[in-house]
Amino acid sequence: MYVVIRADLEPGAQGTQGIHGAIAFVMEHPVVASYWHIKSNNLVFLQVPNEECLQHLAARAEDAGFDHSVFREPDFDDTVTAVVIEPAGKRLVSNLPLALRAEVAKAA
């Protein structure tokens, strides 16, 4: 499963928002999440620069037909803070850097 967060948030918020997104995915797509958990349980934590990039990624996942979840944080004015994509969506995120790293994220 691919958890993508915003690099423009503080590291603590990035982690929290990623977890919120993963929980949302499990709740919204329980069959896919169960299969993922049994078959691989691999979790990749990635980042994009900002909310606009997350929205673009979510739109690409939707257009490609991949199960995904978009998490909006009420404490951040309901902005999109995380997008989680099923394992089959690897090609959509293969160019993204790992989250919580020192280098700045590049646009999706």
PDB file of N, CA and C in Angstrom:
ATOM      1  N   MET A   1       0.852  -1.162   0.000  1.00  0.00           N
ATOM      2  CA  MET A   1       0.000   0.000   0.000  1.00  0.00           C
ATOM      3  C   MET A   1       0.901   1.228   0.000  1.00  0.00           C
ATOM      4  N   TYR A   2       0.466   2.265  -0.676  1.00  0.00           N
ATOM      5  CA  TYR A   2       1.243   3.497  -0.804  1.00  0.00           C
ATOM      6  C   TYR A   2       0.533   4.633  -0.067  1.00  0.00           C
ATOM      7  N   VAL A   3       1.211   5.169   0.944  1.00  0.00           N
ATOM      8  CA  VAL A   3       0.711   6.287   1.731  1.00  0.00           C
ATOM      9  C   VAL A   3       1.509   7.512   1.305  1.00  0.00           C
ATOM     10  N   VAL A   4       0.818   8.511   0.792  1.00  0.00           N
ATOM     11  CA  VAL A   4       1.496   9.708   0.281  1.00  0.00           C
ATOM     12  C   VAL A   4       1.021  10.912   1.084  1.00  0.00           C
ATOM     13  N   ILE A   5       1.987  11.657   1.615  1.00  0.00           N
ATOM     14  CA  ILE A   5       1.675  12.817   2.442  1.00  0.00           C
ATOM     15  C   ILE A   5       2.320  14.062   1.848  1.00  0.00           C
ATOM     16  N   ARG A   6       2.022  15.193   2.470  1.00  0.00           N
ATOM     17  CA  ARG A   6       2.537  16.489   2.015  1.00  0.00           C
ATOM     18  C   ARG A   6       3.843  16.826   2.723  1.00  0.00           C
ATOM     19  N   ALA A   7       4.851  17.178   1.949  1.00  0.00           N
ATOM     20  CA  ALA A   7       6.146  17.570   2.509  1.00  0.00           C
ATOM     21  C   ALA A   7       6.094  18.940   3.166  1.00  0.00           C
ATOM     22  N   ASP A   8       5.057  19.727   2.884  1.00  0.00           N
ATOM     23  CA  ASP A   8       4.971  21.068   3.463  1.00  0.00           C
ATOM     24  C   ASP A   8       4.367  21.074   4.871  1.00  0.00           C
ATOM     25  N   LEU A   9       4.108  19.900   5.434  1.00  0.00           N
ATOM     26  CA  LEU A   9       3.643  19.793   6.820  1.00  0.00           C
ATOM     27  C   LEU A   9       4.831  19.449   7.715  1.00  0.00           C
ATOM     28  N   GLU A  10       4.708  19.774   8.986  1.00  0.00           N
ATOM     29  CA  GLU A  10       5.743  19.415   9.956  1.00  0.00           C
ATOM     30  C   GLU A  10       5.857  17.886  10.038  1.00  0.00           C
ATOM     31  N   PRO A  11       7.051  17.357  10.334  1.00  0.00           N
ATOM     32  CA  PRO A  11       7.230  15.894  10.367  1.00  0.00           C
ATOM     33  C   PRO A  11       6.216  15.155  11.238  1.00  0.00           C
ATOM     34  N   GLY A  12       5.909  15.661  12.421  1.00  0.00           N
ATOM     35  CA  GLY A  12       4.920  15.004  13.269  1.00  0.00           C
ATOM     36  C   GLY A  12       3.553  14.946  12.619  1.00  0.00           C
ATOM     37  N   ALA A  13       3.171  16.036  11.975  1.00  0.00           N
ATOM     38  CA  ALA A  13       1.886  16.083  11.271  1.00  0.00           C
ATOM     39  C   ALA A  13       1.904  15.147  10.065  1.00  0.00           C
ATOM     40  N   GLN A  14       3.028  15.058   9.385  1.00  0.00           N
ATOM     41  CA  GLN A  14       3.134  14.150   8.239  1.00  0.00           C
ATOM     42  C   GLN A  14       2.839  12.716   8.670  1.00  0.00           C
ATOM     43  N   GLY A  15       3.475  12.289   9.760  1.00  0.00           N
ATOM     44  CA  GLY A  15       3.253  10.935  10.236  1.00  0.00           C
ATOM     45  C   GLY A  15       1.804  10.701  10.632  1.00  0.00           C
ATOM     46  N   THR A  16       1.258  11.631  11.376  1.00  0.00           N
ATOM     47  CA  THR A  16      -0.126  11.511  11.829  1.00  0.00           C
ATOM     48  C   THR A  16      -1.092  11.474  10.653  1.00  0.00           C
ATOM     49  N   GLN A  17      -0.896  12.345   9.681  1.00  0.00           N
ATOM     50  CA  GLN A  17      -1.797  12.394   8.532  1.00  0.00           C
ATOM     51  C   GLN A  17      -1.684  11.127   7.692  1.00  0.00           C
ATOM     52  N   GLY A  18      -0.489  10.585   7.582  1.00  0.00           N
ATOM     53  CA  GLY A  18      -0.319   9.325   6.859  1.00  0.00           C
ATOM     54  C   GLY A  18      -1.077   8.191   7.527  1.00  0.00           C
ATOM     55  N   ILE A  19      -1.025   8.149   8.858  1.00  0.00           N
ATOM     56  CA  ILE A  19      -1.758   7.122   9.595  1.00  0.00           C
ATOM     57  C   ILE A  19      -3.262   7.318   9.420  1.00  0.00           C
ATOM     58  N   HIS A  20      -3.722   8.555   9.503  1.00  0.00           N
ATOM     59  CA  HIS A  20      -5.148   8.831   9.255  1.00  0.00           C
ATOM     60  C   HIS A  20      -5.554   8.304   7.874  1.00  0.00           C
ATOM     61  N   GLY A  21      -4.725   8.584   6.875  1.00  0.00           N
ATOM     62  CA  GLY A  21      -5.028   8.134   5.522  1.00  0.00           C
ATOM     63  C   GLY A  21      -5.082   6.623   5.413  1.00  0.00           C
ATOM     64  N   ALA A  22      -4.131   5.935   6.051  1.00  0.00           N
ATOM     65  CA  ALA A  22      -4.106   4.471   6.004  1.00  0.00           C
ATOM     66  C   ALA A  22      -5.350   3.888   6.671  1.00  0.00           C
ATOM     67  N   ILE A  23      -5.749   4.458   7.793  1.00  0.00           N
ATOM     68  CA  ILE A  23      -6.960   3.977   8.474  1.00  0.00           C
ATOM     69  C   ILE A  23      -8.185   4.227   7.598  1.00  0.00           C
ATOM     70  N   ALA A  24      -8.239   5.389   6.961  1.00  0.00           N
ATOM     71  CA  ALA A  24      -9.363   5.672   6.055  1.00  0.00           C
ATOM     72  C   ALA A  24      -9.421   4.643   4.933  1.00  0.00           C
ATOM     73  N   PHE A  25      -8.252   4.289   4.376  1.00  0.00           N
ATOM     74  CA  PHE A  25      -8.219   3.298   3.302  1.00  0.00           C
ATOM     75  C   PHE A  25      -8.765   1.956   3.791  1.00  0.00           C
ATOM     76  N   VAL A  26      -8.325   1.512   4.956  1.00  0.00           N
ATOM     77  CA  VAL A  26      -8.783   0.235   5.507  1.00  0.00           C
ATOM     78  C   VAL A  26     -10.295   0.241   5.718  1.00  0.00           C
ATOM     79  N   MET A  27     -10.826   1.358   6.187  1.00  0.00           N
ATOM     80  CA  MET A  27     -12.269   1.456   6.421  1.00  0.00           C
ATOM     81  C   MET A  27     -13.062   1.521   5.117  1.00  0.00           C
ATOM     82  N   GLU A  28     -12.530   2.221   4.124  1.00  0.00           N
ATOM     83  CA  GLU A  28     -13.244   2.406   2.853  1.00  0.00           C
ATOM     84  C   GLU A  28     -13.085   1.225   1.900  1.00  0.00           C
ATOM     85  N   HIS A  29     -11.993   0.480   2.023  1.00  0.00           N
ATOM     86  CA  HIS A  29     -11.696  -0.621   1.104  1.00  0.00           C
ATOM     87  C   HIS A  29     -11.272  -1.861   1.898  1.00  0.00           C
ATOM     88  N   PRO A  30     -12.161  -2.395   2.740  1.00  0.00           N
ATOM     89  CA  PRO A  30     -11.763  -3.486   3.635  1.00  0.00           C
ATOM     90  C   PRO A  30     -11.310  -4.757   2.920  1.00  0.00           C
ATOM     91  N   VAL A  31     -11.888  -5.084   1.791  1.00  0.00           N
ATOM     92  CA  VAL A  31     -11.487  -6.297   1.080  1.00  0.00           C
ATOM     93  C   VAL A  31     -10.078  -6.144   0.517  1.00  0.00           C
ATOM     94  N   VAL A  32      -9.806  -5.017  -0.128  1.00  0.00           N
ATOM     95  CA  VAL A  32      -8.471  -4.757  -0.671  1.00  0.00           C
ATOM     96  C   VAL A  32      -7.454  -4.700   0.458  1.00  0.00           C
ATOM     97  N   ALA A  33      -7.794  -4.034   1.553  1.00  0.00           N
ATOM     98  CA  ALA A  33      -6.882  -3.912   2.689  1.00  0.00           C
ATOM     99  C   ALA A  33      -6.597  -5.273   3.311  1.00  0.00           C
ATOM    100  N   SER A  34      -7.590  -6.112   3.424  1.00  0.00           N
ATOM    101  CA  SER A  34      -7.399  -7.447   3.993  1.00  0.00           C
ATOM    102  C   SER A  34      -6.479  -8.286   3.105  1.00  0.00           C
ATOM    103  N   TYR A  35      -6.724  -8.247   1.808  1.00  0.00           N
ATOM    104  CA  TYR A  35      -5.875  -8.986   0.864  1.00  0.00           C
ATOM    105  C   TYR A  35      -4.435  -8.484   0.953  1.00  0.00           C
ATOM    106  N   TRP A  36      -4.255  -7.163   0.985  1.00  0.00           N
ATOM    107  CA  TRP A  36      -2.918  -6.567   1.118  1.00  0.00           C
ATOM    108  C   TRP A  36      -2.245  -7.053   2.399  1.00  0.00           C
ATOM    109  N   HIS A  37      -2.970  -7.036   3.486  1.00  0.00           N
ATOM    110  CA  HIS A  37      -2.408  -7.417   4.781  1.00  0.00           C
ATOM    111  C   HIS A  37      -1.954  -8.875   4.786  1.00  0.00           C
ATOM    112  N   ILE A  38      -2.732  -9.746   4.179  1.00  0.00           N
ATOM    113  CA  ILE A  38      -2.403 -11.172   4.145  1.00  0.00           C
ATOM    114  C   ILE A  38      -1.275 -11.460   3.149  1.00  0.00           C
ATOM    115  N   LYS A  39      -1.326 -10.849   1.970  1.00  0.00           N
ATOM    116  CA  LYS A  39      -0.383 -11.186   0.900  1.00  0.00           C
ATOM    117  C   LYS A  39       0.992 -10.535   1.044  1.00  0.00           C
ATOM    118  N   SER A  40       1.050  -9.281   1.436  1.00  0.00           N
ATOM    119  CA  SER A  40       2.368  -8.625   1.460  1.00  0.00           C
ATOM    120  C   SER A  40       2.613  -7.810   2.717  1.00  0.00           C
ATOM    121  N   ASN A  41       1.627  -7.043   3.105  1.00  0.00           N
ATOM    122  CA  ASN A  41       1.727  -6.150   4.255  1.00  0.00           C
ATOM    123  C   ASN A  41       2.828  -5.102   4.068  1.00  0.00           C
ATOM    124  N   ASN A  42       3.263  -4.892   2.826  1.00  0.00           N
ATOM    125  CA  ASN A  42       4.253  -3.844   2.543  1.00  0.00           C
ATOM    126  C   ASN A  42       3.569  -2.488   2.556  1.00  0.00           C
ATOM    127  N   LEU A  43       4.218  -1.556   3.219  1.00  0.00           N
ATOM    128  CA  LEU A  43       3.697  -0.197   3.338  1.00  0.00           C
ATOM    129  C   LEU A  43       4.816   0.758   2.943  1.00  0.00           C
ATOM    130  N   VAL A  44       4.538   1.616   1.954  1.00  0.00           N
ATOM    131  CA  VAL A  44       5.535   2.570   1.476  1.00  0.00           C
ATOM    132  C   VAL A  44       5.020   3.973   1.779  1.00  0.00           C
ATOM    133  N   PHE A  45       5.847   4.766   2.466  1.00  0.00           N
ATOM    134  CA  PHE A  45       5.492   6.105   2.926  1.00  0.00           C
ATOM    135  C   PHE A  45       6.219   7.111   2.039  1.00  0.00           C
ATOM    136  N   LEU A  46       5.462   7.828   1.217  1.00  0.00           N
ATOM    137  CA  LEU A  46       6.016   8.728   0.211  1.00  0.00           C
ATOM    138  C   LEU A  46       5.531  10.154   0.430  1.00  0.00           C
ATOM    139  N   GLN A  47       6.135  11.088  -0.303  1.00  0.00           N
ATOM    140  CA  GLN A  47       5.722  12.486  -0.149  1.00  0.00           C
ATOM    141  C   GLN A  47       5.642  13.206  -1.486  1.00  0.00           C
ATOM    142  N   VAL A  48       4.802  14.226  -1.495  1.00  0.00           N
ATOM    143  CA  VAL A  48       4.718  15.201  -2.583  1.00  0.00           C
ATOM    144  C   VAL A  48       4.855  16.577  -1.928  1.00  0.00           C
ATOM    145  N   PRO A  49       5.141  17.607  -2.705  1.00  0.00           N
ATOM    146  CA  PRO A  49       5.396  18.922  -2.100  1.00  0.00           C
ATOM    147  C   PRO A  49       4.229  19.559  -1.365  1.00  0.00           C
ATOM    148  N   ASN A  50       2.988  19.378  -1.878  1.00  0.00           N
ATOM    149  CA  ASN A  50       1.888  20.174  -1.329  1.00  0.00           C
ATOM    150  C   ASN A  50       0.525  19.550  -1.629  1.00  0.00           C
ATOM    151  N   GLU A  51      -0.516  20.227  -1.182  1.00  0.00           N
ATOM    152  CA  GLU A  51      -1.882  19.725  -1.359  1.00  0.00           C
ATOM    153  C   GLU A  51      -2.260  19.591  -2.835  1.00  0.00           C
ATOM    154  N   GLU A  52      -1.892  20.550  -3.638  1.00  0.00           N
ATOM    155  CA  GLU A  52      -2.215  20.486  -5.069  1.00  0.00           C
ATOM    156  C   GLU A  52      -1.686  19.198  -5.694  1.00  0.00           C
ATOM    157  N   CYS A  53      -0.476  18.817  -5.334  1.00  0.00           N
ATOM    158  CA  CYS A  53       0.111  17.581  -5.862  1.00  0.00           C
ATOM    159  C   CYS A  53      -0.646  16.350  -5.371  1.00  0.00           C
ATOM    160  N   LEU A  54      -1.099  16.372  -4.117  1.00  0.00           N
ATOM    161  CA  LEU A  54      -1.903  15.259  -3.604  1.00  0.00           C
ATOM    162  C   LEU A  54      -3.222  15.150  -4.360  1.00  0.00           C
ATOM    163  N   GLN A  55      -3.861  16.275  -4.613  1.00  0.00           N
ATOM    164  CA  GLN A  55      -5.125  16.268  -5.347  1.00  0.00           C
ATOM    165  C   GLN A  55      -4.922  15.726  -6.758  1.00  0.00           C
ATOM    166  N   HIS A  56      -3.825  16.112  -7.372  1.00  0.00           N
ATOM    167  CA  HIS A  56      -3.510  15.610  -8.719  1.00  0.00           C
ATOM    168  C   HIS A  56      -3.296  14.095  -8.681  1.00  0.00           C
ATOM    169  N   LEU A  57      -2.582  13.614  -7.680  1.00  0.00           N
ATOM    170  CA  LEU A  57      -2.341  12.180  -7.544  1.00  0.00           C
ATOM    171  C   LEU A  57      -3.649  11.422  -7.339  1.00  0.00           C
ATOM    172  N   ALA A  58      -4.525  11.953  -6.505  1.00  0.00           N
ATOM    173  CA  ALA A  58      -5.828  11.311  -6.274  1.00  0.00           C
ATOM    174  C   ALA A  58      -6.644  11.249  -7.563  1.00  0.00           C
ATOM    175  N   ALA A  59      -6.602  12.306  -8.345  1.00  0.00           N
ATOM    176  CA  ALA A  59      -7.322  12.327  -9.624  1.00  0.00           C
ATOM    177  C   ALA A  59      -6.759  11.281 -10.580  1.00  0.00           C
ATOM    178  N   ARG A  60      -5.443  11.151 -10.594  1.00  0.00           N
ATOM    179  CA  ARG A  60      -4.805  10.133 -11.452  1.00  0.00           C
ATOM    180  C   ARG A  60      -5.202   8.729 -11.008  1.00  0.00           C
ATOM    181  N   ALA A  61      -5.252   8.491  -9.699  1.00  0.00           N
ATOM    182  CA  ALA A  61      -5.669   7.183  -9.184  1.00  0.00           C
ATOM    183  C   ALA A  61      -7.113   6.896  -9.568  1.00  0.00           C
ATOM    184  N   GLU A  62      -7.958   7.895  -9.447  1.00  0.00           N
ATOM    185  CA  GLU A  62      -9.370   7.758  -9.830  1.00  0.00           C
ATOM    186  C   GLU A  62      -9.492   7.426 -11.313  1.00  0.00           C
ATOM    187  N   ASP A  63      -8.804   8.202 -12.151  1.00  0.00           N
ATOM    188  CA  ASP A  63      -8.858   7.995 -13.602  1.00  0.00           C
ATOM    189  C   ASP A  63      -8.361   6.611 -14.007  1.00  0.00           C
ATOM    190  N   ALA A  64      -7.358   6.099 -13.275  1.00  0.00           N
ATOM    191  CA  ALA A  64      -6.778   4.790 -13.591  1.00  0.00           C
ATOM    192  C   ALA A  64      -7.591   3.638 -12.989  1.00  0.00           C
ATOM    193  N   GLY A  65      -8.577   3.960 -12.154  1.00  0.00           N
ATOM    194  CA  GLY A  65      -9.427   2.931 -11.576  1.00  0.00           C
ATOM    195  C   GLY A  65      -8.834   2.225 -10.366  1.00  0.00           C
ATOM    196  N   PHE A  66      -7.831   2.818  -9.720  1.00  0.00           N
ATOM    197  CA  PHE A  66      -7.236   2.214  -8.534  1.00  0.00           C
ATOM    198  C   PHE A  66      -8.029   2.599  -7.289  1.00  0.00           C
ATOM    199  N   ASP A  67      -8.197   1.633  -6.386  1.00  0.00           N
ATOM    200  CA  ASP A  67      -8.790   1.963  -5.101  1.00  0.00           C
ATOM    201  C   ASP A  67      -7.847   2.898  -4.368  1.00  0.00           C
ATOM    202  N   HIS A  68      -8.407   3.921  -3.779  1.00  0.00           N
ATOM    203  CA  HIS A  68      -7.607   4.901  -3.055  1.00  0.00           C
ATOM    204  C   HIS A  68      -8.493   5.633  -2.056  1.00  0.00           C
ATOM    205  N   SER A  69      -7.845   6.293  -1.137  1.00  0.00           N
ATOM    206  CA  SER A  69      -8.565   7.117  -0.168  1.00  0.00           C
ATOM    207  C   SER A  69      -7.884   8.465  -0.074  1.00  0.00           C
ATOM    208  N   VAL A  70      -8.695   9.479   0.104  1.00  0.00           N
ATOM    209  CA  VAL A  70      -8.213  10.841   0.284  1.00  0.00           C
ATOM    210  C   VAL A  70      -8.589  11.253   1.702  1.00  0.00           C
ATOM    211  N   PHE A  71      -7.596  11.681   2.481  1.00  0.00           N
ATOM    212  CA  PHE A  71      -7.890  12.122   3.835  1.00  0.00           C
ATOM    213  C   PHE A  71      -7.797  13.634   3.909  1.00  0.00           C
ATOM    214  N   ARG A  72      -8.849  14.242   4.453  1.00  0.00           N
ATOM    215  CA  ARG A  72      -8.906  15.684   4.693  1.00  0.00           C
ATOM    216  C   ARG A  72      -8.876  15.919   6.193  1.00  0.00           C
ATOM    217  N   GLU A  73      -7.993  16.789   6.637  1.00  0.00           N
ATOM    218  CA  GLU A  73      -7.818  17.056   8.064  1.00  0.00           C
ATOM    219  C   GLU A  73      -8.651  18.248   8.510  1.00  0.00           C
ATOM    220  N   PRO A  74      -9.639  18.014   9.374  1.00  0.00           N
ATOM    221  CA  PRO A  74     -10.447  19.121   9.881  1.00  0.00           C
ATOM    222  C   PRO A  74      -9.617  20.203  10.576  1.00  0.00           C
ATOM    223  N   ASP A  75      -8.549  19.805  11.267  1.00  0.00           N
ATOM    224  CA  ASP A  75      -7.714  20.780  11.977  1.00  0.00           C
ATOM    225  C   ASP A  75      -6.863  21.637  11.040  1.00  0.00           C
ATOM    226  N   PHE A  76      -6.784  21.252   9.772  1.00  0.00           N
ATOM    227  CA  PHE A  76      -6.050  22.030   8.759  1.00  0.00           C
ATOM    228  C   PHE A  76      -7.031  22.561   7.710  1.00  0.00           C
ATOM    229  N   ASP A  77      -8.161  23.060   8.178  1.00  0.00           N
ATOM    230  CA  ASP A  77      -9.192  23.641   7.300  1.00  0.00           C
ATOM    231  C   ASP A  77      -9.686  22.680   6.227  1.00  0.00           C
ATOM    232  N   ASP A  78      -9.768  21.397   6.569  1.00  0.00           N
ATOM    233  CA  ASP A  78     -10.242  20.357   5.651  1.00  0.00           C
ATOM    234  C   ASP A  78      -9.405  20.231   4.384  1.00  0.00           C
ATOM    235  N   THR A  79      -8.134  20.591   4.470  1.00  0.00           N
ATOM    236  CA  THR A  79      -7.258  20.395   3.313  1.00  0.00           C
ATOM    237  C   THR A  79      -6.890  18.920   3.192  1.00  0.00           C
ATOM    238  N   VAL A  80      -6.538  18.517   1.984  1.00  0.00           N
ATOM    239  CA  VAL A  80      -6.089  17.143   1.745  1.00  0.00           C
ATOM    240  C   VAL A  80      -4.687  17.015   2.312  1.00  0.00           C
ATOM    241  N   THR A  81      -4.512  16.041   3.197  1.00  0.00           N
ATOM    242  CA  THR A  81      -3.208  15.845   3.833  1.00  0.00           C
ATOM    243  C   THR A  81      -2.591  14.490   3.519  1.00  0.00           C
ATOM    244  N   ALA A  82      -3.378  13.556   3.002  1.00  0.00           N
ATOM    245  CA  ALA A  82      -2.846  12.233   2.658  1.00  0.00           C
ATOM    246  C   ALA A  82      -3.708  11.587   1.583  1.00  0.00           C
ATOM    247  N   VAL A  83      -3.043  10.826   0.740  1.00  0.00           N
ATOM    248  CA  VAL A  83      -3.709   9.988  -0.249  1.00  0.00           C
ATOM    249  C   VAL A  83      -3.086   8.605  -0.123  1.00  0.00           C
ATOM    250  N   VAL A  84      -3.925   7.592  -0.068  1.00  0.00           N
ATOM    251  CA  VAL A  84      -3.447   6.217   0.043  1.00  0.00           C
ATOM    252  C   VAL A  84      -3.955   5.451  -1.176  1.00  0.00           C
ATOM    253  N   ILE A  85      -3.047   4.710  -1.804  1.00  0.00           N
ATOM    254  CA  ILE A  85      -3.359   4.009  -3.049  1.00  0.00           C
ATOM    255  C   ILE A  85      -3.053   2.525  -2.879  1.00  0.00           C
ATOM    256  N   GLU A  86      -3.932   1.703  -3.414  1.00  0.00           N
ATOM    257  CA  GLU A  86      -3.756   0.254  -3.344  1.00  0.00           C
ATOM    258  C   GLU A  86      -2.433  -0.171  -3.984  1.00  0.00           C
ATOM    259  N   PRO A  87      -1.935  -1.356  -3.627  1.00  0.00           N
ATOM    260  CA  PRO A  87      -0.652  -1.818  -4.157  1.00  0.00           C
ATOM    261  C   PRO A  87      -0.567  -1.837  -5.690  1.00  0.00           C
ATOM    262  N   ALA A  88      -1.665  -2.095  -6.361  1.00  0.00           N
ATOM    263  CA  ALA A  88      -1.646  -2.141  -7.823  1.00  0.00           C
ATOM    264  C   ALA A  88      -1.321  -0.788  -8.450  1.00  0.00           C
ATOM    265  N   GLY A  89      -1.378   0.285  -7.673  1.00  0.00           N
ATOM    266  CA  GLY A  89      -1.119   1.625  -8.182  1.00  0.00           C
ATOM    267  C   GLY A  89       0.345   2.033  -8.169  1.00  0.00           C
ATOM    268  N   LYS A  90       1.239   1.082  -8.091  1.00  0.00           N
ATOM    269  CA  LYS A  90       2.677   1.360  -7.981  1.00  0.00           C
ATOM    270  C   LYS A  90       3.183   2.326  -9.050  1.00  0.00           C
ATOM    271  N   ARG A  91       2.710   2.169 -10.275  1.00  0.00           N
ATOM    272  CA  ARG A  91       3.227   3.022 -11.361  1.00  0.00           C
ATOM    273  C   ARG A  91       2.897   4.499 -11.148  1.00  0.00           C
ATOM    274  N   LEU A  92       1.843   4.785 -10.386  1.00  0.00           N
ATOM    275  CA  LEU A  92       1.476   6.180 -10.136  1.00  0.00           C
ATOM    276  C   LEU A  92       2.429   6.873  -9.168  1.00  0.00           C
ATOM    277  N   VAL A  93       3.105   6.100  -8.349  1.00  0.00           N
ATOM    278  CA  VAL A  93       3.939   6.687  -7.293  1.00  0.00           C
ATOM    279  C   VAL A  93       5.418   6.338  -7.423  1.00  0.00           C
ATOM    280  N   SER A  94       5.786   5.633  -8.468  1.00  0.00           N
ATOM    281  CA  SER A  94       7.162   5.132  -8.591  1.00  0.00           C
ATOM    282  C   SER A  94       8.205   6.244  -8.660  1.00  0.00           C
ATOM    283  N   ASN A  95       7.808   7.446  -8.997  1.00  0.00           N
ATOM    284  CA  ASN A  95       8.761   8.565  -9.104  1.00  0.00           C
ATOM    285  C   ASN A  95       8.825   9.424  -7.836  1.00  0.00           C
ATOM    286  N   LEU A  96       8.040   9.087  -6.822  1.00  0.00           N
ATOM    287  CA  LEU A  96       7.978   9.923  -5.615  1.00  0.00           C
ATOM    288  C   LEU A  96       9.054   9.532  -4.606  1.00  0.00           C
ATOM    289  N   PRO A  97       9.584  10.521  -3.891  1.00  0.00           N
ATOM    290  CA  PRO A  97      10.588  10.221  -2.864  1.00  0.00           C
ATOM    291  C   PRO A  97       9.937   9.704  -1.577  1.00  0.00           C
ATOM    292  N   LEU A  98      10.749   9.002  -0.800  1.00  0.00           N
ATOM    293  CA  LEU A  98      10.289   8.554   0.514  1.00  0.00           C
ATOM    294  C   LEU A  98       9.954   9.754   1.385  1.00  0.00           C
ATOM    295  N   ALA A  99       8.978   9.586   2.250  1.00  0.00           N
ATOM    296  CA  ALA A  99       8.575  10.656   3.169  1.00  0.00           C
ATOM    297  C   ALA A  99       9.561  10.775   4.320  1.00  0.00           C
ATOM    298  N   LEU A 100       9.508  11.939   4.971  1.00  0.00           N
ATOM    299  CA  LEU A 100      10.293  12.235   6.168  1.00  0.00           C
ATOM    300  C   LEU A 100      11.793  12.189   5.913  1.00  0.00           C
ATOM    301  N   ARG A 101      12.192  12.528   4.697  1.00  0.00           N
ATOM    302  CA  ARG A 101      13.604  12.620   4.373  1.00  0.00           C
ATOM    303  C   ARG A 101      13.979  14.088   4.255  1.00  0.00           C
ATOM    304  N   ALA A 102      15.229  14.376   4.343  1.00  0.00           N
ATOM    305  CA  ALA A 102      15.706  15.765   4.368  1.00  0.00           C
ATOM    306  C   ALA A 102      15.508  16.484   3.039  1.00  0.00           C
ATOM    307  N   GLU A 103      15.651  15.781   1.914  1.00  0.00           N
ATOM    308  CA  GLU A 103      15.531  16.475   0.638  1.00  0.00           C
ATOM    309  C   GLU A 103      14.086  16.857   0.351  1.00  0.00           C
ATOM    310  N   VAL A 104      13.916  17.900  -0.433  1.00  0.00           N
ATOM    311  CA  VAL A 104      12.597  18.434  -0.757  1.00  0.00           C
ATOM    312  C   VAL A 104      11.936  17.552  -1.812  1.00  0.00           C
ATOM    313  N   ALA A 105      10.643  17.329  -1.648  1.00  0.00           N
ATOM    314  CA  ALA A 105       9.878  16.503  -2.590  1.00  0.00           C
ATOM    315  C   ALA A 105       9.736  17.230  -3.920  1.00  0.00           C
ATOM    316  N   LYS A 106       9.648  16.462  -4.988  1.00  0.00           N
ATOM    317  CA  LYS A 106       9.409  17.003  -6.326  1.00  0.00           C
ATOM    318  C   LYS A 106       7.946  16.766  -6.680  1.00  0.00           C
ATOM    319  N   ALA A 107       7.430  17.549  -7.586  1.00  0.00           N
ATOM    320  CA  ALA A 107       6.015  17.450  -7.985  1.00  0.00           C
ATOM    321  C   ALA A 107       5.715  16.082  -8.575  1.00  0.00           C
ATOM    322  N   ALA A 108       4.503  15.619  -8.329  1.00  0.00           N
ATOM    323  CA  ALA A 108       4.065  14.310  -8.830  1.00  0.00           C
ATOM    324  C   ALA A 108       3.817  14.372 -10.319  1.00  0.00           C
TER     325      ALA A 108
END
